[in-house]
PDB file of N, CA and C in Angstrom:
ATOM      1  N   UNK A   1     -31.663 -10.921  -2.207  1.00  0.00           N
ATOM      2  CA  UNK A   1     -30.936  -9.848  -1.566  1.00  0.00           C
ATOM      3  C   UNK A   1     -31.843  -9.275  -0.478  1.00  0.00           C
ATOM      4  N   UNK A   2     -31.271  -9.112   0.700  1.00  0.00           N
ATOM      5  CA  UNK A   2     -32.027  -8.585   1.824  1.00  0.00           C
ATOM      6  C   UNK A   2     -31.444  -7.222   2.199  1.00  0.00           C
ATOM      7  N   UNK A   3     -32.131  -6.161   1.802  1.00  0.00           N
ATOM      8  CA  UNK A   3     -31.684  -4.805   2.119  1.00  0.00           C
ATOM      9  C   UNK A   3     -32.533  -4.305   3.281  1.00  0.00           C
ATOM     10  N   UNK A   4     -31.882  -4.054   4.406  1.00  0.00           N
ATOM     11  CA  UNK A   4     -32.605  -3.666   5.618  1.00  0.00           C
ATOM     12  C   UNK A   4     -32.807  -2.163   5.735  1.00  0.00           C
ATOM     13  N   UNK A   5     -31.960  -1.378   5.079  1.00  0.00           N
ATOM     14  CA  UNK A   5     -32.086   0.077   5.119  1.00  0.00           C
ATOM     15  C   UNK A   5     -33.189   0.490   4.146  1.00  0.00           C
ATOM     16  N   UNK A   6     -34.231   1.128   4.656  1.00  0.00           N
ATOM     17  CA  UNK A   6     -35.396   1.476   3.839  1.00  0.00           C
ATOM     18  C   UNK A   6     -35.036   2.413   2.680  1.00  0.00           C
ATOM     19  N   UNK A   7     -34.183   3.387   2.929  1.00  0.00           N
ATOM     20  CA  UNK A   7     -33.800   4.328   1.873  1.00  0.00           C
ATOM     21  C   UNK A   7     -33.009   3.620   0.774  1.00  0.00           C
ATOM     22  N   UNK A   8     -32.092   2.749   1.166  1.00  0.00           N
ATOM     23  CA  UNK A   8     -31.302   2.003   0.175  1.00  0.00           C
ATOM     24  C   UNK A   8     -32.219   1.093  -0.630  1.00  0.00           C
ATOM     25  N   UNK A   9     -33.163   0.465   0.040  1.00  0.00           N
ATOM     26  CA  UNK A   9     -34.110  -0.411  -0.655  1.00  0.00           C
ATOM     27  C   UNK A   9     -34.921   0.383  -1.674  1.00  0.00           C
ATOM     28  N   UNK A  10     -35.393   1.561  -1.299  1.00  0.00           N
ATOM     29  CA  UNK A  10     -36.174   2.396  -2.219  1.00  0.00           C
ATOM     30  C   UNK A  10     -35.321   2.856  -3.409  1.00  0.00           C
ATOM     31  N   UNK A  11     -34.077   3.212  -3.149  1.00  0.00           N
ATOM     32  CA  UNK A  11     -33.190   3.616  -4.237  1.00  0.00           C
ATOM     33  C   UNK A  11     -32.938   2.451  -5.197  1.00  0.00           C
ATOM     34  N   UNK A  12     -32.695   1.275  -4.651  1.00  0.00           N
ATOM     35  CA  UNK A  12     -32.482   0.093  -5.492  1.00  0.00           C
ATOM     36  C   UNK A  12     -33.732  -0.229  -6.293  1.00  0.00           C
ATOM     37  N   UNK A  13     -34.880  -0.115  -5.668  1.00  0.00           N
ATOM     38  CA  UNK A  13     -36.143  -0.385  -6.350  1.00  0.00           C
ATOM     39  C   UNK A  13     -36.382   0.634  -7.472  1.00  0.00           C
ATOM     40  N   UNK A  14     -36.114   1.897  -7.204  1.00  0.00           N
ATOM     41  CA  UNK A  14     -36.295   2.933  -8.223  1.00  0.00           C
ATOM     42  C   UNK A  14     -35.347   2.716  -9.402  1.00  0.00           C
ATOM     43  N   UNK A  15     -34.106   2.387  -9.115  1.00  0.00           N
ATOM     44  CA  UNK A  15     -33.154   2.128 -10.197  1.00  0.00           C
ATOM     45  C   UNK A  15     -33.581   0.907 -11.006  1.00  0.00           C
ATOM     46  N   UNK A  16     -34.059  -0.116 -10.328  1.00  0.00           N
ATOM     47  CA  UNK A  16     -34.537  -1.316 -11.025  1.00  0.00           C
ATOM     48  C   UNK A  16     -35.720  -0.977 -11.924  1.00  0.00           C
ATOM     49  N   UNK A  17     -36.627  -0.163 -11.442  1.00  0.00           N
ATOM     50  CA  UNK A  17     -37.777   0.252 -12.261  1.00  0.00           C
ATOM     51  C   UNK A  17     -37.323   1.002 -13.506  1.00  0.00           C
ATOM     52  N   UNK A  18     -36.414   1.953 -13.301  1.00  0.00           N
ATOM     53  CA  UNK A  18     -35.938   2.760 -14.431  1.00  0.00           C
ATOM     54  C   UNK A  18     -35.184   1.929 -15.459  1.00  0.00           C
ATOM     55  N   UNK A  19     -34.471   0.930 -14.998  1.00  0.00           N
ATOM     56  CA  UNK A  19     -33.676   0.102 -15.915  1.00  0.00           C
ATOM     57  C   UNK A  19     -34.423  -1.151 -16.373  1.00  0.00           C
ATOM     58  N   UNK A  20     -35.631  -1.296 -15.903  1.00  0.00           N
ATOM     59  CA  UNK A  20     -36.451  -2.466 -16.270  1.00  0.00           C
ATOM     60  C   UNK A  20     -35.710  -3.764 -15.990  1.00  0.00           C
ATOM     61  N   UNK A  21     -35.239  -3.870 -14.758  1.00  0.00           N
ATOM     62  CA  UNK A  21     -34.491  -5.054 -14.352  1.00  0.00           C
ATOM     63  C   UNK A  21     -34.812  -5.374 -12.904  1.00  0.00           C
ATOM     64  N   UNK A  22     -34.182  -6.408 -12.379  1.00  0.00           N
ATOM     65  CA  UNK A  22     -34.403  -6.768 -10.980  1.00  0.00           C
ATOM     66  C   UNK A  22     -33.588  -5.848 -10.073  1.00  0.00           C
ATOM     67  N   UNK A  23     -33.941  -5.838  -8.806  1.00  0.00           N
ATOM     68  CA  UNK A  23     -33.181  -5.031  -7.853  1.00  0.00           C
ATOM     69  C   UNK A  23     -31.745  -5.534  -7.772  1.00  0.00           C
ATOM     70  N   UNK A  24     -31.564  -6.842  -7.799  1.00  0.00           N
ATOM     71  CA  UNK A  24     -30.214  -7.410  -7.732  1.00  0.00           C
ATOM     72  C   UNK A  24     -29.378  -6.947  -8.920  1.00  0.00           C
ATOM     73  N   UNK A  25     -29.952  -7.007 -10.118  1.00  0.00           N
ATOM     74  CA  UNK A  25     -29.216  -6.544 -11.292  1.00  0.00           C
ATOM     75  C   UNK A  25     -28.946  -5.050 -11.228  1.00  0.00           C
ATOM     76  N   UNK A  26     -29.903  -4.290 -10.761  1.00  0.00           N
ATOM     77  CA  UNK A  26     -29.720  -2.843 -10.650  1.00  0.00           C
ATOM     78  C   UNK A  26     -28.579  -2.515  -9.690  1.00  0.00           C
ATOM     79  N   UNK A  27     -28.533  -3.200  -8.560  1.00  0.00           N
ATOM     80  CA  UNK A  27     -27.464  -2.976  -7.581  1.00  0.00           C
ATOM     81  C   UNK A  27     -26.133  -3.438  -8.163  1.00  0.00           C
ATOM     82  N   UNK A  28     -26.109  -4.588  -8.830  1.00  0.00           N
ATOM     83  CA  UNK A  28     -24.888  -5.090  -9.455  1.00  0.00           C
ATOM     84  C   UNK A  28     -24.355  -4.082 -10.472  1.00  0.00           C
ATOM     85  N   UNK A  29     -25.225  -3.568 -11.324  1.00  0.00           N
ATOM     86  CA  UNK A  29     -24.822  -2.599 -12.341  1.00  0.00           C
ATOM     87  C   UNK A  29     -24.302  -1.312 -11.693  1.00  0.00           C
ATOM     88  N   UNK A  30     -25.021  -0.827 -10.693  1.00  0.00           N
ATOM     89  CA  UNK A  30     -24.625   0.421 -10.030  1.00  0.00           C
ATOM     90  C   UNK A  30     -23.268   0.270  -9.347  1.00  0.00           C
ATOM     91  N   UNK A  31     -23.053  -0.858  -8.691  1.00  0.00           N
ATOM     92  CA  UNK A  31     -21.768  -1.081  -8.028  1.00  0.00           C
ATOM     93  C   UNK A  31     -20.639  -1.211  -9.046  1.00  0.00           C
ATOM     94  N   UNK A  32     -20.903  -1.917 -10.129  1.00  0.00           N
ATOM     95  CA  UNK A  32     -19.903  -2.060 -11.187  1.00  0.00           C
ATOM     96  C   UNK A  32     -19.549  -0.702 -11.783  1.00  0.00           C
ATOM     97  N   UNK A  33     -20.556   0.128 -12.044  1.00  0.00           N
ATOM     98  CA  UNK A  33     -20.321   1.473 -12.573  1.00  0.00           C
ATOM     99  C   UNK A  33     -19.537   2.334 -11.593  1.00  0.00           C
ATOM    100  N   UNK A  34     -19.851   2.217 -10.311  1.00  0.00           N
ATOM    101  CA  UNK A  34     -19.143   3.000  -9.295  1.00  0.00           C
ATOM    102  C   UNK A  34     -17.678   2.583  -9.213  1.00  0.00           C
ATOM    103  N   UNK A  35     -17.410   1.296  -9.294  1.00  0.00           N
ATOM    104  CA  UNK A  35     -16.030   0.807  -9.248  1.00  0.00           C
ATOM    105  C   UNK A  35     -15.261   1.282 -10.474  1.00  0.00           C
ATOM    106  N   UNK A  36     -15.885   1.230 -11.655  1.00  0.00           N
ATOM    107  CA  UNK A  36     -15.230   1.708 -12.874  1.00  0.00           C
ATOM    108  C   UNK A  36     -14.938   3.198 -12.775  1.00  0.00           C
ATOM    109  N   UNK A  37     -15.859   3.963 -12.218  1.00  0.00           N
ATOM    110  CA  UNK A  37     -15.652   5.405 -12.056  1.00  0.00           C
ATOM    111  C   UNK A  37     -14.501   5.678 -11.099  1.00  0.00           C
ATOM    112  N   UNK A  38     -14.421   4.928 -10.003  1.00  0.00           N
ATOM    113  CA  UNK A  38     -13.315   5.081  -9.055  1.00  0.00           C
ATOM    114  C   UNK A  38     -11.989   4.744  -9.718  1.00  0.00           C
ATOM    115  N   UNK A  39     -11.971   3.679 -10.527  1.00  0.00           N
ATOM    116  CA  UNK A  39     -10.754   3.297 -11.238  1.00  0.00           C
ATOM    117  C   UNK A  39     -10.326   4.395 -12.201  1.00  0.00           C
ATOM    118  N   UNK A  40     -11.285   4.997 -12.894  1.00  0.00           N
ATOM    119  CA  UNK A  40     -10.969   6.071 -13.848  1.00  0.00           C
ATOM    120  C   UNK A  40     -10.383   7.273 -13.121  1.00  0.00           C
ATOM    121  N   UNK A  41     -10.941   7.612 -11.977  1.00  0.00           N
ATOM    122  CA  UNK A  41     -10.420   8.732 -11.182  1.00  0.00           C
ATOM    123  C   UNK A  41      -8.994   8.425 -10.741  1.00  0.00           C
ATOM    124  N   UNK A  42      -8.789   7.223 -10.224  1.00  0.00           N
ATOM    125  CA  UNK A  42      -7.468   6.818  -9.743  1.00  0.00           C
ATOM    126  C   UNK A  42      -6.454   6.793 -10.888  1.00  0.00           C
ATOM    127  N   UNK A  43      -6.855   6.252 -12.043  1.00  0.00           N
ATOM    128  CA  UNK A  43      -5.959   6.204 -13.201  1.00  0.00           C
ATOM    129  C   UNK A  43      -5.609   7.607 -13.670  1.00  0.00           C
ATOM    130  N   UNK A  44      -6.583   8.502 -13.681  1.00  0.00           N
ATOM    131  CA  UNK A  44      -6.329   9.878 -14.084  1.00  0.00           C
ATOM    132  C   UNK A  44      -5.348  10.561 -13.149  1.00  0.00           C
ATOM    133  N   UNK A  45      -5.511  10.327 -11.855  1.00  0.00           N
ATOM    134  CA  UNK A  45      -4.606  10.909 -10.872  1.00  0.00           C
ATOM    135  C   UNK A  45      -3.201  10.359 -11.066  1.00  0.00           C
ATOM    136  N   UNK A  46      -3.095   9.055 -11.271  1.00  0.00           N
ATOM    137  CA  UNK A  46      -1.780   8.447 -11.478  1.00  0.00           C
ATOM    138  C   UNK A  46      -1.109   9.033 -12.722  1.00  0.00           C
ATOM    139  N   UNK A  47      -1.880   9.216 -13.789  1.00  0.00           N
ATOM    140  CA  UNK A  47      -1.304   9.798 -15.012  1.00  0.00           C
ATOM    141  C   UNK A  47      -0.814  11.221 -14.766  1.00  0.00           C
ATOM    142  N   UNK A  48      -1.611  12.015 -14.039  1.00  0.00           N
ATOM    143  CA  UNK A  48      -1.206  13.396 -13.756  1.00  0.00           C
ATOM    144  C   UNK A  48       0.056  13.439 -12.895  1.00  0.00           C
ATOM    145  N   UNK A  49       0.126  12.558 -11.899  1.00  0.00           N
ATOM    146  CA  UNK A  49       1.308  12.525 -11.034  1.00  0.00           C
ATOM    147  C   UNK A  49       2.548  12.074 -11.806  1.00  0.00           C
ATOM    148  N   UNK A  50       2.386  11.101 -12.684  1.00  0.00           N
ATOM    149  CA  UNK A  50       3.513  10.652 -13.507  1.00  0.00           C
ATOM    150  C   UNK A  50       3.974  11.784 -14.429  1.00  0.00           C
ATOM    151  N   UNK A  51       3.040  12.543 -14.969  1.00  0.00           N
ATOM    152  CA  UNK A  51       3.391  13.671 -15.830  1.00  0.00           C
ATOM    153  C   UNK A  51       4.182  14.722 -15.054  1.00  0.00           C
ATOM    154  N   UNK A  52       3.741  15.004 -13.838  1.00  0.00           N
ATOM    155  CA  UNK A  52       4.474  15.947 -12.987  1.00  0.00           C
ATOM    156  C   UNK A  52       5.879  15.426 -12.727  1.00  0.00           C
ATOM    157  N   UNK A  53       5.987  14.138 -12.451  1.00  0.00           N
ATOM    158  CA  UNK A  53       7.297  13.534 -12.213  1.00  0.00           C
ATOM    159  C   UNK A  53       8.205  13.634 -13.424  1.00  0.00           C
ATOM    160  N   UNK A  54       7.650  13.372 -14.618  1.00  0.00           N
ATOM    161  CA  UNK A  54       8.456  13.468 -15.843  1.00  0.00           C
ATOM    162  C   UNK A  54       8.930  14.905 -16.080  1.00  0.00           C
ATOM    163  N   UNK A  55       8.015  15.869 -15.890  1.00  0.00           N
ATOM    164  CA  UNK A  55       8.403  17.268 -16.091  1.00  0.00           C
ATOM    165  C   UNK A  55       9.443  17.707 -15.063  1.00  0.00           C
ATOM    166  N   UNK A  56       9.287  17.240 -13.824  1.00  0.00           N
ATOM    167  CA  UNK A  56      10.246  17.596 -12.771  1.00  0.00           C
ATOM    168  C   UNK A  56      11.611  16.990 -13.063  1.00  0.00           C
ATOM    169  N   UNK A  57      11.624  15.735 -13.510  1.00  0.00           N
ATOM    170  CA  UNK A  57      12.891  15.058 -13.810  1.00  0.00           C
ATOM    171  C   UNK A  57      13.606  15.711 -14.988  1.00  0.00           C
ATOM    172  N   UNK A  58      12.855  16.317 -15.890  1.00  0.00           N
ATOM    173  CA  UNK A  58      13.453  16.935 -17.075  1.00  0.00           C
ATOM    174  C   UNK A  58      14.129  18.269 -16.761  1.00  0.00           C
ATOM    175  N   UNK A  59      13.803  18.858 -15.615  1.00  0.00           N
ATOM    176  CA  UNK A  59      14.397  20.141 -15.252  1.00  0.00           C
ATOM    177  C   UNK A  59      15.811  19.913 -14.711  1.00  0.00           C
ATOM    178  N   UNK A  60      16.752  20.757 -15.117  1.00  0.00           N
ATOM    179  CA  UNK A  60      18.109  20.604 -14.596  1.00  0.00           C
ATOM    180  C   UNK A  60      18.177  21.034 -13.131  1.00  0.00           C
ATOM    181  N   UNK A  61      19.043  20.405 -12.386  1.00  0.00           N
ATOM    182  CA  UNK A  61      19.247  20.785 -10.990  1.00  0.00           C
ATOM    183  C   UNK A  61      18.133  20.272 -10.091  1.00  0.00           C
ATOM    184  N   UNK A  62      18.173  20.734  -8.877  1.00  0.00           N
ATOM    185  CA  UNK A  62      17.192  20.302  -7.881  1.00  0.00           C
ATOM    186  C   UNK A  62      15.880  21.046  -8.100  1.00  0.00           C
ATOM    187  N   UNK A  63      14.794  20.356  -7.853  1.00  0.00           N
ATOM    188  CA  UNK A  63      13.476  20.954  -8.038  1.00  0.00           C
ATOM    189  C   UNK A  63      13.191  21.984  -6.952  1.00  0.00           C
ATOM    190  N   UNK A  64      13.416  21.620  -5.701  1.00  0.00           N
ATOM    191  CA  UNK A  64      13.272  22.536  -4.566  1.00  0.00           C
ATOM    192  C   UNK A  64      14.474  22.363  -3.656  1.00  0.00           C
ATOM    193  N   UNK A  65      14.896  23.433  -3.058  1.00  0.00           N
ATOM    194  CA  UNK A  65      15.970  23.368  -2.073  1.00  0.00           C
ATOM    195  C   UNK A  65      15.433  23.901  -0.750  1.00  0.00           C
ATOM    196  N   UNK A  66      16.232  23.781   0.285  1.00  0.00           N
ATOM    197  CA  UNK A  66      15.833  24.319   1.588  1.00  0.00           C
ATOM    198  C   UNK A  66      15.581  25.820   1.503  1.00  0.00           C
ATOM    199  N   UNK A  67      16.343  26.512   0.656  1.00  0.00           N
ATOM    200  CA  UNK A  67      16.157  27.961   0.504  1.00  0.00           C
ATOM    201  C   UNK A  67      14.780  28.295  -0.061  1.00  0.00           C
ATOM    202  N   UNK A  68      14.218  27.389  -0.845  1.00  0.00           N
ATOM    203  CA  UNK A  68      12.874  27.608  -1.395  1.00  0.00           C
ATOM    204  C   UNK A  68      11.795  27.430  -0.329  1.00  0.00           C
ATOM    205  N   UNK A  69      12.098  26.616   0.675  1.00  0.00           N
ATOM    206  CA  UNK A  69      11.085  26.250   1.660  1.00  0.00           C
ATOM    207  C   UNK A  69      11.164  27.029   2.970  1.00  0.00           C
ATOM    208  N   UNK A  70      12.383  27.469   3.342  1.00  0.00           N
ATOM    209  CA  UNK A  70      12.574  28.083   4.659  1.00  0.00           C
ATOM    210  C   UNK A  70      13.214  29.463   4.540  1.00  0.00           C
ATOM    211  N   UNK A  71      12.859  30.342   5.480  1.00  0.00           N
ATOM    212  CA  UNK A  71      13.470  31.681   5.494  1.00  0.00           C
ATOM    213  C   UNK A  71      14.814  31.624   6.239  1.00  0.00           C
ATOM    214  N   UNK A  72      15.430  32.790   6.435  1.00  0.00           N
ATOM    215  CA  UNK A  72      16.761  32.851   7.081  1.00  0.00           C
ATOM    216  C   UNK A  72      16.743  32.380   8.537  1.00  0.00           C
ATOM    217  N   UNK A  73      15.569  32.398   9.166  1.00  0.00           N
ATOM    218  CA  UNK A  73      15.440  31.953  10.558  1.00  0.00           C
ATOM    219  C   UNK A  73      15.123  30.464  10.644  1.00  0.00           C
ATOM    220  N   UNK A  74      14.990  29.811   9.524  1.00  0.00           N
ATOM    221  CA  UNK A  74      14.668  28.392   9.528  1.00  0.00           C
ATOM    222  C   UNK A  74      13.183  28.095   9.620  1.00  0.00           C
ATOM    223  N   UNK A  75      12.368  29.126   9.475  1.00  0.00           N
ATOM    224  CA  UNK A  75      10.919  28.950   9.535  1.00  0.00           C
ATOM    225  C   UNK A  75      10.354  28.746   8.141  1.00  0.00           C
ATOM    226  N   UNK A  76       9.279  27.985   8.023  1.00  0.00           N
ATOM    227  CA  UNK A  76       8.666  27.776   6.695  1.00  0.00           C
ATOM    228  C   UNK A  76       8.225  29.098   6.087  1.00  0.00           C
ATOM    229  N   UNK A  77       8.437  29.207   4.789  1.00  0.00           N
ATOM    230  CA  UNK A  77       8.015  30.437   4.081  1.00  0.00           C
ATOM    231  C   UNK A  77       6.515  30.425   3.878  1.00  0.00           C
TER     232      UNK A  77
END
């Protein structure tokens, strides 16, 4: 692995030292962990949005109408 950015190289080296592994393995592990964390964030957001959708669908009638959004002059409230 050829890391040209000095700061990135130092960070990879420090992580490798702490984990007692090679720089390549340290970078592989860190990237894998970052991707898993991003997936968890995305999955959590999707679950929250689906929950909002289910609660909204369970309410009778329309969720919002133009009267909720605009005043008598047609301007946003």
